[in-house]
Amino acid sequence: MIGPDRDEAGREALDALAGSTTTPDPEILAAVQEGLMAVPAGSPSAWFEVPRQRTRVRPANLSSRRSTEG
C-alpha cells in the first residue's frame, strides 16, 4: 500500500497532467529550481564531444589470420 504522502503526490501529478489550474507550491518550485541549478550544464560544443566508434585501420580479413603454411 502506498503511504498518504505518496497518494497525495500522485493525485497532484495527475492533476498537473490534466491541466489543473491550481498554483504550484512555492516550496516545490524552489526545490525544483535548486535541483536544476545543481546539474552541471554541458558546453555548447558538447555535440563534438560525443564518443564515436573507432574505424578500423584495415578491414577485417580472415585470410590475414590464417597461417601461410599449408
PDB file of N, CA and C in Angstrom:
ATOM      1  N   MET A   1       0.842  -1.183   0.000  1.00  0.00           N
ATOM      2  CA  MET A   1       0.000   0.000   0.000  1.00  0.00           C
ATOM      3  C   MET A   1       0.886   1.245   0.000  1.00  0.00           C
ATOM      4  N   ILE A   2       0.476   2.239  -0.732  1.00  0.00           N
ATOM      5  CA  ILE A   2       1.222   3.489  -0.839  1.00  0.00           C
ATOM      6  C   ILE A   2       0.847   4.386   0.331  1.00  0.00           C
ATOM      7  N   GLY A   3       1.859   5.069   0.886  1.00  0.00           N
ATOM      8  CA  GLY A   3       1.620   5.949   2.016  1.00  0.00           C
ATOM      9  C   GLY A   3       0.805   7.171   1.628  1.00  0.00           C
ATOM     10  N   PRO A   4       0.273   7.895   2.630  1.00  0.00           N
ATOM     11  CA  PRO A   4      -0.587   9.053   2.345  1.00  0.00           C
ATOM     12  C   PRO A   4       0.139  10.154   1.580  1.00  0.00           C
ATOM     13  N   ASP A   5       1.420  10.374   1.866  1.00  0.00           N
ATOM     14  CA  ASP A   5       2.163  11.409   1.144  1.00  0.00           C
ATOM     15  C   ASP A   5       2.293  11.056  -0.330  1.00  0.00           C
ATOM     16  N   ARG A   6       2.532   9.774  -0.605  1.00  0.00           N
ATOM     17  CA  ARG A   6       2.679   9.348  -1.999  1.00  0.00           C
ATOM     18  C   ARG A   6       1.348   9.406  -2.722  1.00  0.00           C
ATOM     19  N   ASP A   7       0.256   9.094  -2.016  1.00  0.00           N
ATOM     20  CA  ASP A   7      -1.068   9.199  -2.630  1.00  0.00           C
ATOM     21  C   ASP A   7      -1.343  10.640  -3.040  1.00  0.00           C
ATOM     22  N   GLU A   8      -1.027  11.560  -2.144  1.00  0.00           N
ATOM     23  CA  GLU A   8      -1.252  12.978  -2.428  1.00  0.00           C
ATOM     24  C   GLU A   8      -0.373  13.438  -3.588  1.00  0.00           C
ATOM     25  N   ALA A   9       0.877  13.017  -3.589  1.00  0.00           N
ATOM     26  CA  ALA A   9       1.781  13.393  -4.677  1.00  0.00           C
ATOM     27  C   ALA A   9       1.286  12.824  -6.001  1.00  0.00           C
ATOM     28  N   GLY A  10       0.774  11.608  -5.966  1.00  0.00           N
ATOM     29  CA  GLY A  10       0.230  11.001  -7.182  1.00  0.00           C
ATOM     30  C   GLY A  10      -0.970  11.756  -7.708  1.00  0.00           C
ATOM     31  N   ARG A  11      -1.844  12.146  -6.794  1.00  0.00           N
ATOM     32  CA  ARG A  11      -3.022  12.926  -7.200  1.00  0.00           C
ATOM     33  C   ARG A  11      -2.600  14.273  -7.778  1.00  0.00           C
ATOM     34  N   GLU A  12      -1.619  14.905  -7.159  1.00  0.00           N
ATOM     35  CA  GLU A  12      -1.144  16.194  -7.663  1.00  0.00           C
ATOM     36  C   GLU A  12      -0.513  16.041  -9.043  1.00  0.00           C
ATOM     37  N   ALA A  13       0.212  14.951  -9.248  1.00  0.00           N
ATOM     38  CA  ALA A  13       0.819  14.712 -10.560  1.00  0.00           C
ATOM     39  C   ALA A  13      -0.259  14.499 -11.616  1.00  0.00           C
ATOM     40  N   LEU A  14      -1.283  13.726 -11.282  1.00  0.00           N
ATOM     41  CA  LEU A  14      -2.382  13.514 -12.230  1.00  0.00           C
ATOM     42  C   LEU A  14      -3.124  14.814 -12.517  1.00  0.00           C
ATOM     43  N   ASP A  15      -3.325  15.631 -11.490  1.00  0.00           N
ATOM     44  CA  ASP A  15      -3.967  16.931 -11.694  1.00  0.00           C
ATOM     45  C   ASP A  15      -3.130  17.811 -12.615  1.00  0.00           C
ATOM     46  N   ALA A  16      -1.826  17.789 -12.426  1.00  0.00           N
ATOM     47  CA  ALA A  16      -0.941  18.600 -13.265  1.00  0.00           C
ATOM     48  C   ALA A  16      -1.011  18.142 -14.715  1.00  0.00           C
ATOM     49  N   LEU A  17      -1.068  16.835 -14.921  1.00  0.00           N
ATOM     50  CA  LEU A  17      -1.173  16.321 -16.285  1.00  0.00           C
ATOM     51  C   LEU A  17      -2.520  16.657 -16.908  1.00  0.00           C
ATOM     52  N   ALA A  18      -3.539  16.714 -16.086  1.00  0.00           N
ATOM     53  CA  ALA A  18      -4.879  17.012 -16.589  1.00  0.00           C
ATOM     54  C   ALA A  18      -5.074  18.503 -16.841  1.00  0.00           C
ATOM     55  N   GLY A  19      -4.119  19.317 -16.444  1.00  0.00           N
ATOM     56  CA  GLY A  19      -4.220  20.748 -16.682  1.00  0.00           C
ATOM     57  C   GLY A  19      -4.892  21.497 -15.559  1.00  0.00           C
ATOM     58  N   SER A  20      -4.671  21.073 -14.348  1.00  0.00           N
ATOM     59  CA  SER A  20      -5.258  21.736 -13.192  1.00  0.00           C
ATOM     60  C   SER A  20      -4.794  23.191 -13.152  1.00  0.00           C
ATOM     61  N   THR A  21      -5.665  24.067 -12.680  1.00  0.00           N
ATOM     62  CA  THR A  21      -5.340  25.491 -12.651  1.00  0.00           C
ATOM     63  C   THR A  21      -4.842  25.958 -11.291  1.00  0.00           C
ATOM     64  N   THR A  22      -4.557  25.031 -10.381  1.00  0.00           N
ATOM     65  CA  THR A  22      -4.062  25.445  -9.070  1.00  0.00           C
ATOM     66  C   THR A  22      -2.642  25.972  -9.208  1.00  0.00           C
ATOM     67  N   THR A  23      -2.302  26.924  -8.354  1.00  0.00           N
ATOM     68  CA  THR A  23      -0.952  27.481  -8.396  1.00  0.00           C
ATOM     69  C   THR A  23       0.021  26.502  -7.744  1.00  0.00           C
ATOM     70  N   PRO A  24       1.225  26.385  -8.290  1.00  0.00           N
ATOM     71  CA  PRO A  24       2.195  25.452  -7.720  1.00  0.00           C
ATOM     72  C   PRO A  24       2.672  25.900  -6.343  1.00  0.00           C
ATOM     73  N   ASP A  25       3.044  24.939  -5.547  1.00  0.00           N
ATOM     74  CA  ASP A  25       3.539  25.187  -4.199  1.00  0.00           C
ATOM     75  C   ASP A  25       4.918  25.846  -4.296  1.00  0.00           C
ATOM     76  N   PRO A  26       5.141  26.991  -3.629  1.00  0.00           N
ATOM     77  CA  PRO A  26       6.443  27.668  -3.701  1.00  0.00           C
ATOM     78  C   PRO A  26       7.602  26.793  -3.223  1.00  0.00           C
ATOM     79  N   GLU A  27       7.343  25.931  -2.241  1.00  0.00           N
ATOM     80  CA  GLU A  27       8.407  25.034  -1.764  1.00  0.00           C
ATOM     81  C   GLU A  27       8.838  24.069  -2.857  1.00  0.00           C
ATOM     82  N   ILE A  28       7.874  23.548  -3.585  1.00  0.00           N
ATOM     83  CA  ILE A  28       8.190  22.615  -4.668  1.00  0.00           C
ATOM     84  C   ILE A  28       8.943  23.337  -5.775  1.00  0.00           C
ATOM     85  N   LEU A  29       8.495  24.535  -6.123  1.00  0.00           N
ATOM     86  CA  LEU A  29       9.188  25.299  -7.159  1.00  0.00           C
ATOM     87  C   LEU A  29      10.626  25.599  -6.754  1.00  0.00           C
ATOM     88  N   ALA A  30      10.836  25.940  -5.492  1.00  0.00           N
ATOM     89  CA  ALA A  30      12.189  26.222  -5.006  1.00  0.00           C
ATOM     90  C   ALA A  30      13.049  24.962  -5.059  1.00  0.00           C
ATOM     91  N   ALA A  31      12.476  23.818  -4.693  1.00  0.00           N
ATOM     92  CA  ALA A  31      13.230  22.562  -4.732  1.00  0.00           C
ATOM     93  C   ALA A  31      13.582  22.183  -6.164  1.00  0.00           C
ATOM     94  N   VAL A  32      12.658  22.391  -7.088  1.00  0.00           N
ATOM     95  CA  VAL A  32      12.933  22.089  -8.495  1.00  0.00           C
ATOM     96  C   VAL A  32      14.035  22.997  -9.017  1.00  0.00           C
ATOM     97  N   GLN A  33      13.954  24.285  -8.705  1.00  0.00           N
ATOM     98  CA  GLN A  33      14.975  25.217  -9.165  1.00  0.00           C
ATOM     99  C   GLN A  33      16.334  24.856  -8.580  1.00  0.00           C
ATOM    100  N   GLU A  34      16.371  24.507  -7.307  1.00  0.00           N
ATOM    101  CA  GLU A  34      17.624  24.118  -6.663  1.00  0.00           C
ATOM    102  C   GLU A  34      18.206  22.876  -7.339  1.00  0.00           C
ATOM    103  N   GLY A  35      17.353  21.919  -7.655  1.00  0.00           N
ATOM    104  CA  GLY A  35      17.817  20.710  -8.327  1.00  0.00           C
ATOM    105  C   GLY A  35      18.348  20.998  -9.716  1.00  0.00           C
ATOM    106  N   LEU A  36      17.665  21.861 -10.447  1.00  0.00           N
ATOM    107  CA  LEU A  36      18.130  22.205 -11.792  1.00  0.00           C
ATOM    108  C   LEU A  36      19.442  22.977 -11.756  1.00  0.00           C
ATOM    109  N   MET A  37      19.594  23.846 -10.771  1.00  0.00           N
ATOM    110  CA  MET A  37      20.832  24.619 -10.663  1.00  0.00           C
ATOM    111  C   MET A  37      22.012  23.737 -10.262  1.00  0.00           C
ATOM    112  N   ALA A  38      21.731  22.603  -9.619  1.00  0.00           N
ATOM    113  CA  ALA A  38      22.802  21.707  -9.185  1.00  0.00           C
ATOM    114  C   ALA A  38      23.332  20.840 -10.324  1.00  0.00           C
ATOM    115  N   VAL A  39      22.597  20.759 -11.425  1.00  0.00           N
ATOM    116  CA  VAL A  39      23.030  19.932 -12.556  1.00  0.00           C
ATOM    117  C   VAL A  39      24.026  20.729 -13.384  1.00  0.00           C
ATOM    118  N   PRO A  40      25.220  20.165 -13.610  1.00  0.00           N
ATOM    119  CA  PRO A  40      26.194  20.897 -14.416  1.00  0.00           C
ATOM    120  C   PRO A  40      25.720  21.004 -15.864  1.00  0.00           C
ATOM    121  N   ALA A  41      25.854  22.187 -16.404  1.00  0.00           N
ATOM    122  CA  ALA A  41      25.446  22.406 -17.791  1.00  0.00           C
ATOM    123  C   ALA A  41      26.573  21.978 -18.720  1.00  0.00           C
ATOM    124  N   GLY A  42      26.217  21.353 -19.806  1.00  0.00           N
ATOM    125  CA  GLY A  42      27.211  20.939 -20.793  1.00  0.00           C
ATOM    126  C   GLY A  42      27.671  22.120 -21.622  1.00  0.00           C
ATOM    127  N   SER A  43      28.779  21.931 -22.290  1.00  0.00           N
ATOM    128  CA  SER A  43      29.294  23.006 -23.133  1.00  0.00           C
ATOM    129  C   SER A  43      28.462  23.093 -24.407  1.00  0.00           C
ATOM    130  N   PRO A  44      28.438  24.259 -25.032  1.00  0.00           N
ATOM    131  CA  PRO A  44      27.672  24.392 -26.276  1.00  0.00           C
ATOM    132  C   PRO A  44      28.199  23.484 -27.380  1.00  0.00           C
ATOM    133  N   SER A  45      29.460  23.111 -27.287  1.00  0.00           N
ATOM    134  CA  SER A  45      30.034  22.249 -28.324  1.00  0.00           C
ATOM    135  C   SER A  45      30.010  20.791 -27.902  1.00  0.00           C
ATOM    136  N   ALA A  46      29.098  20.429 -27.000  1.00  0.00           N
ATOM    137  CA  ALA A  46      29.043  19.062 -26.480  1.00  0.00           C
ATOM    138  C   ALA A  46      28.793  18.046 -27.583  1.00  0.00           C
ATOM    139  N   TRP A  47      28.153  18.466 -28.669  1.00  0.00           N
ATOM    140  CA  TRP A  47      27.898  17.548 -29.774  1.00  0.00           C
ATOM    141  C   TRP A  47      29.206  16.960 -30.286  1.00  0.00           C
ATOM    142  N   PHE A  48      30.255  17.740 -30.296  1.00  0.00           N
ATOM    143  CA  PHE A  48      31.533  17.279 -30.827  1.00  0.00           C
ATOM    144  C   PHE A  48      32.291  16.419 -29.826  1.00  0.00           C
ATOM    145  N   GLU A  49      31.828  16.378 -28.599  1.00  0.00           N
ATOM    146  CA  GLU A  49      32.489  15.575 -27.580  1.00  0.00           C
ATOM    147  C   GLU A  49      31.860  14.191 -27.444  1.00  0.00           C
ATOM    148  N   VAL A  50      30.869  13.888 -28.273  1.00  0.00           N
ATOM    149  CA  VAL A  50      30.211  12.588 -28.210  1.00  0.00           C
ATOM    150  C   VAL A  50      31.177  11.534 -28.735  1.00  0.00           C
ATOM    151  N   PRO A  51      31.439  10.480 -27.957  1.00  0.00           N
ATOM    152  CA  PRO A  51      32.368   9.456 -28.434  1.00  0.00           C
ATOM    153  C   PRO A  51      31.808   8.736 -29.652  1.00  0.00           C
ATOM    154  N   ARG A  52      32.704   8.392 -30.549  1.00  0.00           N
ATOM    155  CA  ARG A  52      32.314   7.681 -31.757  1.00  0.00           C
ATOM    156  C   ARG A  52      32.996   6.329 -31.794  1.00  0.00           C
ATOM    157  N   GLN A  53      32.398   5.433 -32.520  1.00  0.00           N
ATOM    158  CA  GLN A  53      33.011   4.128 -32.691  1.00  0.00           C
ATOM    159  C   GLN A  53      34.250   4.301 -33.562  1.00  0.00           C
ATOM    160  N   ARG A  54      35.326   3.672 -33.154  1.00  0.00           N
ATOM    161  CA  ARG A  54      36.565   3.787 -33.923  1.00  0.00           C
ATOM    162  C   ARG A  54      36.443   3.016 -35.231  1.00  0.00           C
ATOM    163  N   THR A  55      36.979   3.603 -36.264  1.00  0.00           N
ATOM    164  CA  THR A  55      37.011   2.893 -37.538  1.00  0.00           C
ATOM    165  C   THR A  55      38.265   2.044 -37.584  1.00  0.00           C
ATOM    166  N   ARG A  56      38.179   0.942 -38.261  1.00  0.00           N
ATOM    167  CA  ARG A  56      39.327   0.050 -38.345  1.00  0.00           C
ATOM    168  C   ARG A  56      40.352   0.609 -39.315  1.00  0.00           C
ATOM    169  N   VAL A  57      41.617   0.393 -38.990  1.00  0.00           N
ATOM    170  CA  VAL A  57      42.688   0.851 -39.866  1.00  0.00           C
ATOM    171  C   VAL A  57      42.636   0.066 -41.172  1.00  0.00           C
ATOM    172  N   ARG A  58      42.407  -1.223 -41.062  1.00  0.00           N
ATOM    173  CA  ARG A  58      42.242  -2.057 -42.253  1.00  0.00           C
ATOM    174  C   ARG A  58      41.032  -2.949 -42.022  1.00  0.00           C
ATOM    175  N   PRO A  59      40.361  -3.326 -43.075  1.00  0.00           N
ATOM    176  CA  PRO A  59      39.173  -4.160 -42.889  1.00  0.00           C
ATOM    177  C   PRO A  59      39.524  -5.529 -42.327  1.00  0.00           C
ATOM    178  N   ALA A  60      38.619  -6.079 -41.554  1.00  0.00           N
ATOM    179  CA  ALA A  60      38.833  -7.420 -41.010  1.00  0.00           C
ATOM    180  C   ALA A  60      38.893  -8.397 -42.169  1.00  0.00           C
ATOM    181  N   ASN A  61      39.883  -9.257 -42.105  1.00  0.00           N
ATOM    182  CA  ASN A  61      40.096 -10.173 -43.212  1.00  0.00           C
ATOM    183  C   ASN A  61      40.477 -11.521 -42.633  1.00  0.00           C
ATOM    184  N   LEU A  62      39.735 -12.545 -42.947  1.00  0.00           N
ATOM    185  CA  LEU A  62      40.031 -13.864 -42.410  1.00  0.00           C
ATOM    186  C   LEU A  62      41.360 -14.400 -42.926  1.00  0.00           C
ATOM    187  N   SER A  63      41.729 -14.053 -44.149  1.00  0.00           N
ATOM    188  CA  SER A  63      42.973 -14.585 -44.704  1.00  0.00           C
ATOM    189  C   SER A  63      44.188 -14.079 -43.932  1.00  0.00           C
ATOM    190  N   SER A  64      44.076 -12.935 -43.287  1.00  0.00           N
ATOM    191  CA  SER A  64      45.209 -12.425 -42.519  1.00  0.00           C
ATOM    192  C   SER A  64      45.407 -13.227 -41.240  1.00  0.00           C
ATOM    193  N   ARG A  65      44.390 -13.962 -40.821  1.00  0.00           N
ATOM    194  CA  ARG A  65      44.501 -14.777 -39.618  1.00  0.00           C
ATOM    195  C   ARG A  65      45.043 -16.169 -39.916  1.00  0.00           C
ATOM    196  N   ARG A  66      44.885 -16.620 -41.127  1.00  0.00           N
ATOM    197  CA  ARG A  66      45.316 -17.966 -41.475  1.00  0.00           C
ATOM    198  C   ARG A  66      46.821 -18.033 -41.645  1.00  0.00           C
ATOM    199  N   SER A  67      47.334 -19.156 -41.332  1.00  0.00           N
ATOM    200  CA  SER A  67      48.765 -19.381 -41.488  1.00  0.00           C
ATOM    201  C   SER A  67      49.079 -19.566 -42.966  1.00  0.00           C
ATOM    202  N   THR A  68      50.250 -19.117 -43.392  1.00  0.00           N
ATOM    203  CA  THR A  68      50.649 -19.271 -44.792  1.00  0.00           C
ATOM    204  C   THR A  68      51.185 -20.668 -45.063  1.00  0.00           C
ATOM    205  N   GLU A  69      51.417 -21.431 -43.992  1.00  0.00           N
ATOM    206  CA  GLU A  69      51.895 -22.797 -44.186  1.00  0.00           C
ATOM    207  C   GLU A  69      50.724 -23.676 -44.605  1.00  0.00           C
ATOM    208  N   GLY A  70      51.002 -24.634 -45.473  1.00  0.00           N
ATOM    209  CA  GLY A  70      49.910 -25.435 -45.972  1.00  0.00           C
ATOM    210  C   GLY A  70      49.893 -26.764 -45.470  1.00  0.00           C
TER     211      GLY A  70
END
